[in-house]
Protein backbone atom coordinates (compact mmCIF):
# COMPACT_ATOMS: atom_id res chain seq x y z
CA UNK A 1 0.00 0.00 0.00
CA UNK A 2 1.44 3.38 -0.98
CA UNK A 3 1.75 6.15 1.58
CA UNK A 4 -1.06 8.37 0.26
CA UNK A 5 -3.57 5.51 0.31
CA UNK A 6 -2.43 4.59 3.80
CA UNK A 7 -2.70 8.22 4.90
CA UNK A 8 -6.27 8.46 3.62
CA UNK A 9 -7.26 5.10 5.09
CA UNK A 10 -5.70 5.39 8.54
CA UNK A 11 -6.16 9.16 8.71
CA UNK A 12 -9.93 9.05 8.23
CA UNK A 13 -10.17 6.26 10.82
CA UNK A 14 -8.06 8.21 13.32
CA UNK A 15 -10.14 11.33 12.83
CA UNK A 16 -13.37 9.43 13.48
CA UNK A 17 -11.93 7.79 16.59
CA UNK A 18 -10.71 11.14 17.95
CA UNK A 19 -14.05 12.84 17.30
CA UNK A 20 -15.92 10.02 19.03
CA UNK A 21 -13.73 10.21 22.13
CA UNK A 22 -15.04 12.84 24.60
CA UNK A 23 -11.48 13.66 25.75
CA UNK A 24 -9.43 13.43 22.57
CA UNK A 25 -11.77 15.48 20.39
CA UNK A 26 -10.91 18.57 22.41
CA UNK A 27 -7.21 18.07 21.68
CA UNK A 28 -7.89 19.22 18.11
CA UNK A 29 -9.29 22.62 19.08
CA UNK A 30 -7.31 23.34 22.27
CA UNK A 31 -4.25 24.74 20.40
CA UNK A 32 -6.44 27.36 18.75
CA UNK A 33 -8.26 28.17 21.99
CA UNK A 34 -4.90 28.72 23.69
CA UNK A 35 -3.67 30.82 20.74
CA UNK A 36 -6.76 33.05 21.01
CA UNK A 37 -6.24 33.35 24.76
CA UNK A 38 -2.65 34.40 24.11
CA UNK A 39 -3.79 37.05 21.65
CA UNK A 40 -6.66 38.59 23.62
CA UNK A 41 -6.26 37.60 27.27
CA UNK A 42 -2.54 37.85 28.00
CA UNK A 43 -2.20 41.50 26.81
CA UNK A 44 -5.10 42.40 29.10
CA UNK A 45 -3.41 40.65 32.03
CA UNK A 46 -0.11 42.33 31.13
CA UNK A 47 -1.76 45.78 31.08
CA UNK A 48 -3.41 45.12 34.44
CA UNK A 49 -0.15 43.91 35.98
CA UNK A 50 2.03 46.63 34.40
CA UNK A 51 2.15 48.90 37.48
CA UNK A 52 3.47 45.97 39.52
CA UNK A 53 5.26 43.70 37.07
CA UNK A 54 6.20 43.87 33.39
CA UNK A 55 5.06 40.69 31.61
CA UNK A 56 6.07 41.76 28.11
CA UNK A 57 9.69 40.50 28.39
CA UNK A 58 8.25 37.05 29.09
CA UNK A 59 6.22 36.89 25.86
CA UNK A 60 8.94 34.88 24.05
CA UNK A 61 8.89 32.37 26.92
CA UNK A 62 5.12 31.95 26.57
CA UNK A 63 5.36 31.59 22.80
CA UNK A 64 8.04 28.97 23.25
CA UNK A 65 5.63 27.06 25.46
CA UNK A 66 2.98 27.17 22.74
CA UNK A 67 5.49 25.89 20.19
CA UNK A 68 5.94 22.61 22.08
CA UNK A 69 2.47 22.44 23.61
CA UNK A 70 0.83 21.91 20.22
CA UNK A 71 2.74 18.71 19.29
CA UNK A 72 2.21 17.44 22.84
CA UNK A 73 -1.57 17.55 22.33
CA UNK A 74 -1.34 15.59 19.10
CA UNK A 75 1.22 13.21 20.56
CA UNK A 76 -1.17 12.46 23.42
CA UNK A 77 -3.98 11.83 20.91
CA UNK A 78 -1.90 9.36 18.93
CA UNK A 79 -0.59 7.78 22.12
CA UNK A 80 -4.09 6.96 23.35
CA UNK A 81 -5.04 5.70 19.88
CA UNK A 82 -2.02 3.37 20.02
CA UNK A 83 -3.21 2.02 23.35
CA UNK A 84 -6.72 1.44 21.96
CA UNK A 85 -5.38 -0.30 18.86
CA UNK A 86 -3.12 -2.51 20.94
CA UNK A 87 -5.93 -3.44 23.34
CA UNK A 88 -8.25 -4.24 20.42
CA UNK A 89 -5.63 -6.43 18.75
CA UNK A 90 -5.37 -4.23 15.67
CA UNK A 91 -1.58 -4.05 15.78
CA UNK A 92 -1.23 -7.82 15.91
CA UNK A 93 -3.75 -8.08 13.04
CA UNK A 94 -1.43 -6.08 10.77
CA UNK A 95 0.41 -9.32 10.02
CA UNK A 96 -2.49 -10.50 7.84
CA UNK A 97 -3.03 -7.18 6.04
CA UNK A 98 -1.18 -5.57 3.10
CA UNK A 99 0.23 -3.00 5.54
CA UNK A 100 3.49 -3.99 7.22
CA UNK A 101 4.45 -2.90 10.72
CA UNK A 102 7.16 -0.69 9.19
CA UNK A 103 4.60 1.07 6.97
CA UNK A 104 2.23 1.48 9.88
CA UNK A 105 4.95 3.00 12.07
CA UNK A 106 5.99 5.31 9.21
CA UNK A 107 2.42 6.60 9.14
CA UNK A 108 2.24 6.87 12.93
CA UNK A 109 5.40 8.99 12.97
CA UNK A 110 4.77 11.21 9.95
CA UNK A 111 1.05 11.94 10.37
CA UNK A 112 1.31 13.70 13.77
CA UNK A 113 4.38 15.60 12.53
CA UNK A 114 2.41 16.94 9.56
CA UNK A 115 -0.65 17.86 11.65
CA UNK A 116 1.46 19.48 14.39
CA UNK A 117 3.52 21.41 11.85
CA UNK A 118 0.48 22.84 10.05
CA UNK A 119 -1.32 23.64 13.30
CA UNK A 120 1.74 25.44 14.69
CA UNK A 121 2.07 27.54 11.53
CA UNK A 122 -1.55 28.64 11.97
CA UNK A 123 -1.73 28.99 15.75
CA UNK A 124 1.46 30.99 16.34
CA UNK A 125 0.49 33.97 14.15
CA UNK A 126 -2.93 33.91 15.82
CA UNK A 127 -1.27 34.11 19.24
CA UNK A 128 0.98 36.89 17.99
CA UNK A 129 2.73 37.71 21.26
CA UNK A 130 6.14 37.69 19.60
CA UNK A 131 6.73 38.40 15.96
CA UNK A 132 9.12 36.07 14.12
CA UNK A 133 10.04 35.87 10.46
CA UNK A 134 8.52 33.10 8.36
CA UNK A 135 11.76 31.12 8.04
CA UNK A 136 12.23 30.98 11.80
CA UNK A 137 8.63 29.93 12.36
CA UNK A 138 8.72 27.22 9.69
CA UNK A 139 12.02 25.73 10.87
CA UNK A 140 11.12 25.77 14.57
CA UNK A 141 7.62 24.42 13.88
CA UNK A 142 9.16 21.55 11.92
CA UNK A 143 11.63 20.45 14.61
CA UNK A 144 9.09 21.02 17.39
CA UNK A 145 6.62 18.77 15.55
CA UNK A 146 8.99 15.87 16.14
CA UNK A 147 7.70 16.01 19.72
CA UNK A 148 4.37 14.52 18.57
CA UNK A 149 5.61 11.06 17.51
CA UNK A 150 8.08 11.11 20.40
CA UNK A 151 5.27 11.58 22.94
CA UNK A 152 3.06 9.04 21.14
CA UNK A 153 5.79 6.38 21.23
CA UNK A 154 6.33 7.00 24.94
CA UNK A 155 2.70 5.94 25.40
CA UNK A 156 3.14 2.92 23.16
CA UNK A 157 6.30 1.72 24.91
CA UNK A 158 5.70 2.49 28.58
CA UNK A 159 1.91 2.47 29.10
CA UNK A 160 0.17 -0.88 29.57
CA UNK A 161 -3.31 0.65 29.77
CA UNK A 162 -5.15 3.97 29.73
CA UNK A 163 -4.68 4.51 33.47
CA UNK A 164 -0.93 4.46 32.97
CA UNK A 165 -1.49 6.60 29.88
CA UNK A 166 -3.05 9.35 31.97
CA UNK A 167 -0.11 9.18 34.38
CA UNK A 168 2.29 9.55 31.45
CA UNK A 169 0.26 12.48 30.16
CA UNK A 170 0.77 14.30 33.47
CA UNK A 171 4.48 13.49 33.38
CA UNK A 172 4.78 14.88 29.86
CA UNK A 173 3.12 18.09 31.01
CA UNK A 174 5.89 18.51 33.57
CA UNK A 175 8.59 17.74 31.01
CA UNK A 176 6.99 20.32 28.73
CA UNK A 177 7.26 23.14 31.25
CA UNK A 178 10.70 22.48 32.76
CA UNK A 179 12.66 24.11 29.89
CA UNK A 180 10.89 27.41 30.58
CA UNK A 181 13.17 27.75 33.60
CA UNK A 182 16.06 28.18 31.15
CA UNK A 183 14.56 31.55 30.21
CA UNK A 184 15.00 32.74 33.78
CA UNK A 185 18.54 31.60 34.54
CA UNK A 186 22.00 32.59 33.40
CA UNK A 187 22.67 31.03 29.94
CA UNK A 188 25.89 29.45 31.21
CA UNK A 189 23.74 27.04 33.27
CA UNK A 190 21.36 26.05 30.50
CA UNK A 191 23.36 22.86 29.81
CA UNK A 192 21.42 21.20 32.65
CA UNK A 193 18.37 21.25 30.35
CA UNK A 194 20.11 19.59 27.39
CA UNK A 195 18.70 16.16 28.34
CA UNK A 196 15.11 17.43 28.08
CA UNK A 197 13.81 17.11 24.49
CA UNK A 198 11.45 20.08 24.69
CA UNK A 199 14.32 22.41 25.60
CA UNK A 200 15.82 22.38 22.09
CA UNK A 201 12.91 23.68 19.99
CA UNK A 202 11.95 26.16 22.72
CA UNK A 203 15.50 27.48 22.89
CA UNK A 204 15.69 27.64 19.10
CA UNK A 205 12.54 29.76 19.04
CA UNK A 206 13.89 32.14 21.67
CA UNK A 207 17.10 32.48 19.73
CA UNK A 208 15.29 33.02 16.43
CA UNK A 209 12.84 35.55 17.84
CA UNK A 210 15.70 37.72 19.12
CA UNK A 211 17.98 37.30 16.10
CA UNK A 212 20.54 35.34 18.09
CA UNK A 213 23.59 33.83 16.39
CA UNK A 214 22.99 30.32 17.76
CA UNK A 215 19.64 29.66 16.11
CA UNK A 216 20.86 26.94 13.73
CA UNK A 217 22.92 25.03 16.34
CA UNK A 218 19.82 24.74 18.53
CA UNK A 219 17.75 23.65 15.52
CA UNK A 220 20.34 21.01 14.65
CA UNK A 221 20.45 19.86 18.27
CA UNK A 222 16.66 19.54 18.31
CA UNK A 223 16.60 17.53 15.07
CA UNK A 224 19.39 15.14 16.05
CA UNK A 225 18.25 14.60 19.64
CA UNK A 226 14.65 13.90 18.61
CA UNK A 227 15.69 11.61 15.76
CA UNK A 228 17.83 9.52 18.12
CA UNK A 229 15.08 9.27 20.74
CA UNK A 230 12.45 8.35 18.15
CA UNK A 231 14.67 5.62 16.70
CA UNK A 232 15.30 4.16 20.16
CA UNK A 233 11.59 4.22 21.01
CA UNK A 234 10.70 2.65 17.66
CA UNK A 235 13.00 -0.28 18.40
CA UNK A 236 11.48 -0.67 21.87
CA UNK A 237 7.96 -0.45 20.46
CA UNK A 238 8.70 -3.02 17.74
CA UNK A 239 10.19 -5.36 20.35
CA UNK A 240 7.10 -4.94 22.52
CA UNK A 241 4.77 -5.70 19.60
CA UNK A 242 6.67 -8.90 18.83
CA UNK A 243 6.26 -10.02 22.44
CA UNK A 244 2.52 -9.35 22.28
CA UNK A 245 2.09 -11.19 19.00
C-alpha atoms as a PDB file:
ATOM      1  CA  UNK A   1       0.000   0.000   0.000  1.00  0.00           C
ATOM      2  CA  UNK A   2       1.442   3.377  -0.975  1.00  0.00           C
ATOM      3  CA  UNK A   3       1.752   6.146   1.581  1.00  0.00           C
ATOM      4  CA  UNK A   4      -1.056   8.373   0.257  1.00  0.00           C
ATOM      5  CA  UNK A   5      -3.567   5.514   0.306  1.00  0.00           C
ATOM      6  CA  UNK A   6      -2.429   4.591   3.801  1.00  0.00           C
ATOM      7  CA  UNK A   7      -2.698   8.225   4.895  1.00  0.00           C
ATOM      8  CA  UNK A   8      -6.274   8.465   3.620  1.00  0.00           C
ATOM      9  CA  UNK A   9      -7.264   5.102   5.088  1.00  0.00           C
ATOM     10  CA  UNK A  10      -5.698   5.390   8.541  1.00  0.00           C
ATOM     11  CA  UNK A  11      -6.163   9.160   8.706  1.00  0.00           C
ATOM     12  CA  UNK A  12      -9.925   9.046   8.233  1.00  0.00           C
ATOM     13  CA  UNK A  13     -10.174   6.265  10.819  1.00  0.00           C
ATOM     14  CA  UNK A  14      -8.056   8.206  13.320  1.00  0.00           C
ATOM     15  CA  UNK A  15     -10.140  11.331  12.831  1.00  0.00           C
ATOM     16  CA  UNK A  16     -13.372   9.431  13.480  1.00  0.00           C
ATOM     17  CA  UNK A  17     -11.925   7.790  16.593  1.00  0.00           C
ATOM     18  CA  UNK A  18     -10.708  11.139  17.950  1.00  0.00           C
ATOM     19  CA  UNK A  19     -14.050  12.842  17.298  1.00  0.00           C
ATOM     20  CA  UNK A  20     -15.918  10.023  19.028  1.00  0.00           C
ATOM     21  CA  UNK A  21     -13.734  10.205  22.128  1.00  0.00           C
ATOM     22  CA  UNK A  22     -15.043  12.840  24.598  1.00  0.00           C
ATOM     23  CA  UNK A  23     -11.481  13.658  25.747  1.00  0.00           C
ATOM     24  CA  UNK A  24      -9.433  13.434  22.570  1.00  0.00           C
ATOM     25  CA  UNK A  25     -11.774  15.483  20.389  1.00  0.00           C
ATOM     26  CA  UNK A  26     -10.910  18.567  22.410  1.00  0.00           C
ATOM     27  CA  UNK A  27      -7.215  18.068  21.681  1.00  0.00           C
ATOM     28  CA  UNK A  28      -7.891  19.217  18.109  1.00  0.00           C
ATOM     29  CA  UNK A  29      -9.285  22.624  19.085  1.00  0.00           C
ATOM     30  CA  UNK A  30      -7.312  23.338  22.269  1.00  0.00           C
ATOM     31  CA  UNK A  31      -4.249  24.740  20.398  1.00  0.00           C
ATOM     32  CA  UNK A  32      -6.435  27.362  18.748  1.00  0.00           C
ATOM     33  CA  UNK A  33      -8.258  28.168  21.990  1.00  0.00           C
ATOM     34  CA  UNK A  34      -4.898  28.721  23.686  1.00  0.00           C
ATOM     35  CA  UNK A  35      -3.671  30.821  20.742  1.00  0.00           C
ATOM     36  CA  UNK A  36      -6.765  33.048  21.007  1.00  0.00           C
ATOM     37  CA  UNK A  37      -6.239  33.345  24.764  1.00  0.00           C
ATOM     38  CA  UNK A  38      -2.655  34.402  24.105  1.00  0.00           C
ATOM     39  CA  UNK A  39      -3.791  37.053  21.653  1.00  0.00           C
ATOM     40  CA  UNK A  40      -6.656  38.589  23.623  1.00  0.00           C
ATOM     41  CA  UNK A  41      -6.260  37.604  27.271  1.00  0.00           C
ATOM     42  CA  UNK A  42      -2.543  37.849  27.996  1.00  0.00           C
ATOM     43  CA  UNK A  43      -2.202  41.496  26.813  1.00  0.00           C
ATOM     44  CA  UNK A  44      -5.097  42.397  29.104  1.00  0.00           C
ATOM     45  CA  UNK A  45      -3.409  40.654  32.026  1.00  0.00           C
ATOM     46  CA  UNK A  46      -0.109  42.333  31.131  1.00  0.00           C
ATOM     47  CA  UNK A  47      -1.758  45.778  31.076  1.00  0.00           C
ATOM     48  CA  UNK A  48      -3.412  45.123  34.435  1.00  0.00           C
ATOM     49  CA  UNK A  49      -0.148  43.909  35.983  1.00  0.00           C
ATOM     50  CA  UNK A  50       2.032  46.627  34.405  1.00  0.00           C
ATOM     51  CA  UNK A  51       2.154  48.900  37.480  1.00  0.00           C
ATOM     52  CA  UNK A  52       3.474  45.969  39.523  1.00  0.00           C
ATOM     53  CA  UNK A  53       5.255  43.704  37.070  1.00  0.00           C
ATOM     54  CA  UNK A  54       6.195  43.873  33.390  1.00  0.00           C
ATOM     55  CA  UNK A  55       5.064  40.688  31.605  1.00  0.00           C
ATOM     56  CA  UNK A  56       6.069  41.759  28.106  1.00  0.00           C
ATOM     57  CA  UNK A  57       9.695  40.502  28.387  1.00  0.00           C
ATOM     58  CA  UNK A  58       8.246  37.046  29.087  1.00  0.00           C
ATOM     59  CA  UNK A  59       6.220  36.892  25.864  1.00  0.00           C
ATOM     60  CA  UNK A  60       8.944  34.877  24.052  1.00  0.00           C
ATOM     61  CA  UNK A  61       8.890  32.374  26.920  1.00  0.00           C
ATOM     62  CA  UNK A  62       5.124  31.949  26.569  1.00  0.00           C
ATOM     63  CA  UNK A  63       5.355  31.591  22.801  1.00  0.00           C
ATOM     64  CA  UNK A  64       8.043  28.967  23.247  1.00  0.00           C
ATOM     65  CA  UNK A  65       5.628  27.055  25.465  1.00  0.00           C
ATOM     66  CA  UNK A  66       2.978  27.173  22.744  1.00  0.00           C
ATOM     67  CA  UNK A  67       5.488  25.887  20.190  1.00  0.00           C
ATOM     68  CA  UNK A  68       5.944  22.609  22.082  1.00  0.00           C
ATOM     69  CA  UNK A  69       2.473  22.445  23.612  1.00  0.00           C
ATOM     70  CA  UNK A  70       0.827  21.907  20.218  1.00  0.00           C
ATOM     71  CA  UNK A  71       2.737  18.712  19.293  1.00  0.00           C
ATOM     72  CA  UNK A  72       2.215  17.444  22.837  1.00  0.00           C
ATOM     73  CA  UNK A  73      -1.569  17.547  22.333  1.00  0.00           C
ATOM     74  CA  UNK A  74      -1.342  15.589  19.102  1.00  0.00           C
ATOM     75  CA  UNK A  75       1.218  13.208  20.557  1.00  0.00           C
ATOM     76  CA  UNK A  76      -1.166  12.455  23.419  1.00  0.00           C
ATOM     77  CA  UNK A  77      -3.979  11.833  20.907  1.00  0.00           C
ATOM     78  CA  UNK A  78      -1.896   9.362  18.929  1.00  0.00           C
ATOM     79  CA  UNK A  79      -0.594   7.785  22.123  1.00  0.00           C
ATOM     80  CA  UNK A  80      -4.093   6.964  23.348  1.00  0.00           C
ATOM     81  CA  UNK A  81      -5.044   5.700  19.878  1.00  0.00           C
ATOM     82  CA  UNK A  82      -2.023   3.372  20.021  1.00  0.00           C
ATOM     83  CA  UNK A  83      -3.214   2.017  23.351  1.00  0.00           C
ATOM     84  CA  UNK A  84      -6.723   1.436  21.957  1.00  0.00           C
ATOM     85  CA  UNK A  85      -5.378  -0.302  18.863  1.00  0.00           C
ATOM     86  CA  UNK A  86      -3.118  -2.509  20.942  1.00  0.00           C
ATOM     87  CA  UNK A  87      -5.934  -3.444  23.337  1.00  0.00           C
ATOM     88  CA  UNK A  88      -8.246  -4.243  20.421  1.00  0.00           C
ATOM     89  CA  UNK A  89      -5.633  -6.431  18.751  1.00  0.00           C
ATOM     90  CA  UNK A  90      -5.369  -4.228  15.672  1.00  0.00           C
ATOM     91  CA  UNK A  91      -1.578  -4.046  15.781  1.00  0.00           C
ATOM     92  CA  UNK A  92      -1.234  -7.823  15.906  1.00  0.00           C
ATOM     93  CA  UNK A  93      -3.745  -8.076  13.042  1.00  0.00           C
ATOM     94  CA  UNK A  94      -1.426  -6.080  10.773  1.00  0.00           C
ATOM     95  CA  UNK A  95       0.407  -9.318  10.018  1.00  0.00           C
ATOM     96  CA  UNK A  96      -2.494 -10.495   7.839  1.00  0.00           C
ATOM     97  CA  UNK A  97      -3.032  -7.180   6.037  1.00  0.00           C
ATOM     98  CA  UNK A  98      -1.181  -5.567   3.097  1.00  0.00           C
ATOM     99  CA  UNK A  99       0.234  -3.003   5.541  1.00  0.00           C
ATOM    100  CA  UNK A 100       3.486  -3.986   7.223  1.00  0.00           C
ATOM    101  CA  UNK A 101       4.446  -2.895  10.721  1.00  0.00           C
ATOM    102  CA  UNK A 102       7.158  -0.686   9.192  1.00  0.00           C
ATOM    103  CA  UNK A 103       4.604   1.065   6.965  1.00  0.00           C
ATOM    104  CA  UNK A 104       2.231   1.481   9.878  1.00  0.00           C
ATOM    105  CA  UNK A 105       4.945   3.003  12.068  1.00  0.00           C
ATOM    106  CA  UNK A 106       5.992   5.308   9.213  1.00  0.00           C
ATOM    107  CA  UNK A 107       2.423   6.598   9.143  1.00  0.00           C
ATOM    108  CA  UNK A 108       2.243   6.867  12.932  1.00  0.00           C
ATOM    109  CA  UNK A 109       5.405   8.992  12.965  1.00  0.00           C
ATOM    110  CA  UNK A 110       4.768  11.208   9.952  1.00  0.00           C
ATOM    111  CA  UNK A 111       1.050  11.945  10.368  1.00  0.00           C
ATOM    112  CA  UNK A 112       1.310  13.703  13.773  1.00  0.00           C
ATOM    113  CA  UNK A 113       4.381  15.596  12.528  1.00  0.00           C
ATOM    114  CA  UNK A 114       2.409  16.942   9.561  1.00  0.00           C
ATOM    115  CA  UNK A 115      -0.650  17.856  11.652  1.00  0.00           C
ATOM    116  CA  UNK A 116       1.459  19.477  14.391  1.00  0.00           C
ATOM    117  CA  UNK A 117       3.518  21.408  11.850  1.00  0.00           C
ATOM    118  CA  UNK A 118       0.484  22.842  10.046  1.00  0.00           C
ATOM    119  CA  UNK A 119      -1.319  23.640  13.299  1.00  0.00           C
ATOM    120  CA  UNK A 120       1.739  25.445  14.688  1.00  0.00           C
ATOM    121  CA  UNK A 121       2.069  27.535  11.534  1.00  0.00           C
ATOM    122  CA  UNK A 122      -1.554  28.637  11.967  1.00  0.00           C
ATOM    123  CA  UNK A 123      -1.733  28.992  15.747  1.00  0.00           C
ATOM    124  CA  UNK A 124       1.457  30.988  16.345  1.00  0.00           C
ATOM    125  CA  UNK A 125       0.487  33.967  14.147  1.00  0.00           C
ATOM    126  CA  UNK A 126      -2.931  33.908  15.821  1.00  0.00           C
ATOM    127  CA  UNK A 127      -1.267  34.114  19.236  1.00  0.00           C
ATOM    128  CA  UNK A 128       0.983  36.892  17.990  1.00  0.00           C
ATOM    129  CA  UNK A 129       2.727  37.715  21.264  1.00  0.00           C
ATOM    130  CA  UNK A 130       6.140  37.686  19.602  1.00  0.00           C
ATOM    131  CA  UNK A 131       6.733  38.404  15.958  1.00  0.00           C
ATOM    132  CA  UNK A 132       9.117  36.072  14.121  1.00  0.00           C
ATOM    133  CA  UNK A 133      10.038  35.867  10.458  1.00  0.00           C
ATOM    134  CA  UNK A 134       8.517  33.103   8.357  1.00  0.00           C
ATOM    135  CA  UNK A 135      11.760  31.119   8.041  1.00  0.00           C
ATOM    136  CA  UNK A 136      12.229  30.981  11.804  1.00  0.00           C
ATOM    137  CA  UNK A 137       8.634  29.928  12.362  1.00  0.00           C
ATOM    138  CA  UNK A 138       8.718  27.219   9.687  1.00  0.00           C
ATOM    139  CA  UNK A 139      12.024  25.731  10.875  1.00  0.00           C
ATOM    140  CA  UNK A 140      11.119  25.771  14.572  1.00  0.00           C
ATOM    141  CA  UNK A 141       7.624  24.416  13.884  1.00  0.00           C
ATOM    142  CA  UNK A 142       9.158  21.549  11.925  1.00  0.00           C
ATOM    143  CA  UNK A 143      11.634  20.446  14.607  1.00  0.00           C
ATOM    144  CA  UNK A 144       9.092  21.020  17.389  1.00  0.00           C
ATOM    145  CA  UNK A 145       6.621  18.774  15.546  1.00  0.00           C
ATOM    146  CA  UNK A 146       8.986  15.869  16.142  1.00  0.00           C
ATOM    147  CA  UNK A 147       7.705  16.011  19.717  1.00  0.00           C
ATOM    148  CA  UNK A 148       4.371  14.523  18.574  1.00  0.00           C
ATOM    149  CA  UNK A 149       5.606  11.059  17.514  1.00  0.00           C
ATOM    150  CA  UNK A 150       8.078  11.105  20.404  1.00  0.00           C
ATOM    151  CA  UNK A 151       5.272  11.576  22.938  1.00  0.00           C
ATOM    152  CA  UNK A 152       3.060   9.039  21.142  1.00  0.00           C
ATOM    153  CA  UNK A 153       5.794   6.381  21.233  1.00  0.00           C
ATOM    154  CA  UNK A 154       6.333   7.000  24.942  1.00  0.00           C
ATOM    155  CA  UNK A 155       2.696   5.943  25.405  1.00  0.00           C
ATOM    156  CA  UNK A 156       3.138   2.917  23.165  1.00  0.00           C
ATOM    157  CA  UNK A 157       6.305   1.724  24.908  1.00  0.00           C
ATOM    158  CA  UNK A 158       5.700   2.487  28.579  1.00  0.00           C
ATOM    159  CA  UNK A 159       1.912   2.475  29.103  1.00  0.00           C
ATOM    160  CA  UNK A 160       0.167  -0.878  29.571  1.00  0.00           C
ATOM    161  CA  UNK A 161      -3.313   0.655  29.775  1.00  0.00           C
ATOM    162  CA  UNK A 162      -5.152   3.972  29.735  1.00  0.00           C
ATOM    163  CA  UNK A 163      -4.683   4.507  33.474  1.00  0.00           C
ATOM    164  CA  UNK A 164      -0.933   4.458  32.967  1.00  0.00           C
ATOM    165  CA  UNK A 165      -1.488   6.597  29.880  1.00  0.00           C
ATOM    166  CA  UNK A 166      -3.048   9.347  31.972  1.00  0.00           C
ATOM    167  CA  UNK A 167      -0.110   9.176  34.384  1.00  0.00           C
ATOM    168  CA  UNK A 168       2.293   9.548  31.450  1.00  0.00           C
ATOM    169  CA  UNK A 169       0.264  12.485  30.156  1.00  0.00           C
ATOM    170  CA  UNK A 170       0.775  14.297  33.467  1.00  0.00           C
ATOM    171  CA  UNK A 171       4.482  13.488  33.381  1.00  0.00           C
ATOM    172  CA  UNK A 172       4.782  14.879  29.863  1.00  0.00           C
ATOM    173  CA  UNK A 173       3.123  18.094  31.008  1.00  0.00           C
ATOM    174  CA  UNK A 174       5.891  18.512  33.569  1.00  0.00           C
ATOM    175  CA  UNK A 175       8.594  17.745  31.008  1.00  0.00           C
ATOM    176  CA  UNK A 176       6.994  20.319  28.727  1.00  0.00           C
ATOM    177  CA  UNK A 177       7.260  23.140  31.254  1.00  0.00           C
ATOM    178  CA  UNK A 178      10.703  22.482  32.764  1.00  0.00           C
ATOM    179  CA  UNK A 179      12.663  24.109  29.885  1.00  0.00           C
ATOM    180  CA  UNK A 180      10.894  27.412  30.583  1.00  0.00           C
ATOM    181  CA  UNK A 181      13.175  27.754  33.599  1.00  0.00           C
ATOM    182  CA  UNK A 182      16.062  28.179  31.155  1.00  0.00           C
ATOM    183  CA  UNK A 183      14.558  31.550  30.214  1.00  0.00           C
ATOM    184  CA  UNK A 184      15.000  32.745  33.782  1.00  0.00           C
ATOM    185  CA  UNK A 185      18.544  31.597  34.537  1.00  0.00           C
ATOM    186  CA  UNK A 186      22.003  32.586  33.403  1.00  0.00           C
ATOM    187  CA  UNK A 187      22.666  31.027  29.940  1.00  0.00           C
ATOM    188  CA  UNK A 188      25.887  29.445  31.207  1.00  0.00           C
ATOM    189  CA  UNK A 189      23.741  27.037  33.270  1.00  0.00           C
ATOM    190  CA  UNK A 190      21.364  26.045  30.495  1.00  0.00           C
ATOM    191  CA  UNK A 191      23.357  22.863  29.815  1.00  0.00           C
ATOM    192  CA  UNK A 192      21.416  21.200  32.648  1.00  0.00           C
ATOM    193  CA  UNK A 193      18.374  21.249  30.354  1.00  0.00           C
ATOM    194  CA  UNK A 194      20.109  19.585  27.392  1.00  0.00           C
ATOM    195  CA  UNK A 195      18.704  16.158  28.337  1.00  0.00           C
ATOM    196  CA  UNK A 196      15.115  17.433  28.080  1.00  0.00           C
ATOM    197  CA  UNK A 197      13.811  17.112  24.487  1.00  0.00           C
ATOM    198  CA  UNK A 198      11.455  20.080  24.692  1.00  0.00           C
ATOM    199  CA  UNK A 199      14.319  22.410  25.602  1.00  0.00           C
ATOM    200  CA  UNK A 200      15.816  22.377  22.093  1.00  0.00           C
ATOM    201  CA  UNK A 201      12.907  23.683  19.995  1.00  0.00           C
ATOM    202  CA  UNK A 202      11.948  26.156  22.719  1.00  0.00           C
ATOM    203  CA  UNK A 203      15.495  27.480  22.887  1.00  0.00           C
ATOM    204  CA  UNK A 204      15.693  27.642  19.098  1.00  0.00           C
ATOM    205  CA  UNK A 205      12.539  29.756  19.044  1.00  0.00           C
ATOM    206  CA  UNK A 206      13.893  32.144  21.666  1.00  0.00           C
ATOM    207  CA  UNK A 207      17.105  32.478  19.727  1.00  0.00           C
ATOM    208  CA  UNK A 208      15.292  33.023  16.427  1.00  0.00           C
ATOM    209  CA  UNK A 209      12.836  35.551  17.841  1.00  0.00           C
ATOM    210  CA  UNK A 210      15.704  37.723  19.123  1.00  0.00           C
ATOM    211  CA  UNK A 211      17.983  37.297  16.100  1.00  0.00           C
ATOM    212  CA  UNK A 212      20.540  35.340  18.090  1.00  0.00           C
ATOM    213  CA  UNK A 213      23.588  33.832  16.392  1.00  0.00           C
ATOM    214  CA  UNK A 214      22.993  30.317  17.762  1.00  0.00           C
ATOM    215  CA  UNK A 215      19.635  29.661  16.109  1.00  0.00           C
ATOM    216  CA  UNK A 216      20.855  26.943  13.734  1.00  0.00           C
ATOM    217  CA  UNK A 217      22.921  25.032  16.338  1.00  0.00           C
ATOM    218  CA  UNK A 218      19.817  24.738  18.527  1.00  0.00           C
ATOM    219  CA  UNK A 219      17.750  23.654  15.516  1.00  0.00           C
ATOM    220  CA  UNK A 220      20.341  21.011  14.650  1.00  0.00           C
ATOM    221  CA  UNK A 221      20.448  19.860  18.267  1.00  0.00           C
ATOM    222  CA  UNK A 222      16.655  19.543  18.305  1.00  0.00           C
ATOM    223  CA  UNK A 223      16.597  17.530  15.068  1.00  0.00           C
ATOM    224  CA  UNK A 224      19.388  15.139  16.047  1.00  0.00           C
ATOM    225  CA  UNK A 225      18.245  14.595  19.637  1.00  0.00           C
ATOM    226  CA  UNK A 226      14.652  13.897  18.615  1.00  0.00           C
ATOM    227  CA  UNK A 227      15.694  11.611  15.758  1.00  0.00           C
ATOM    228  CA  UNK A 228      17.830   9.522  18.117  1.00  0.00           C
ATOM    229  CA  UNK A 229      15.081   9.269  20.742  1.00  0.00           C
ATOM    230  CA  UNK A 230      12.452   8.352  18.150  1.00  0.00           C
ATOM    231  CA  UNK A 231      14.669   5.618  16.704  1.00  0.00           C
ATOM    232  CA  UNK A 232      15.299   4.164  20.164  1.00  0.00           C
ATOM    233  CA  UNK A 233      11.586   4.222  21.012  1.00  0.00           C
ATOM    234  CA  UNK A 234      10.695   2.653  17.655  1.00  0.00           C
ATOM    235  CA  UNK A 235      12.996  -0.284  18.397  1.00  0.00           C
ATOM    236  CA  UNK A 236      11.485  -0.672  21.871  1.00  0.00           C
ATOM    237  CA  UNK A 237       7.964  -0.452  20.464  1.00  0.00           C
ATOM    238  CA  UNK A 238       8.702  -3.021  17.741  1.00  0.00           C
ATOM    239  CA  UNK A 239      10.190  -5.358  20.353  1.00  0.00           C
ATOM    240  CA  UNK A 240       7.095  -4.937  22.521  1.00  0.00           C
ATOM    241  CA  UNK A 241       4.773  -5.701  19.601  1.00  0.00           C
ATOM    242  CA  UNK A 242       6.672  -8.901  18.827  1.00  0.00           C
ATOM    243  CA  UNK A 243       6.258 -10.023  22.442  1.00  0.00           C
ATOM    244  CA  UNK A 244       2.520  -9.354  22.284  1.00  0.00           C
ATOM    245  CA  UNK A 245       2.092 -11.187  18.997  1.00  0.00           C
END
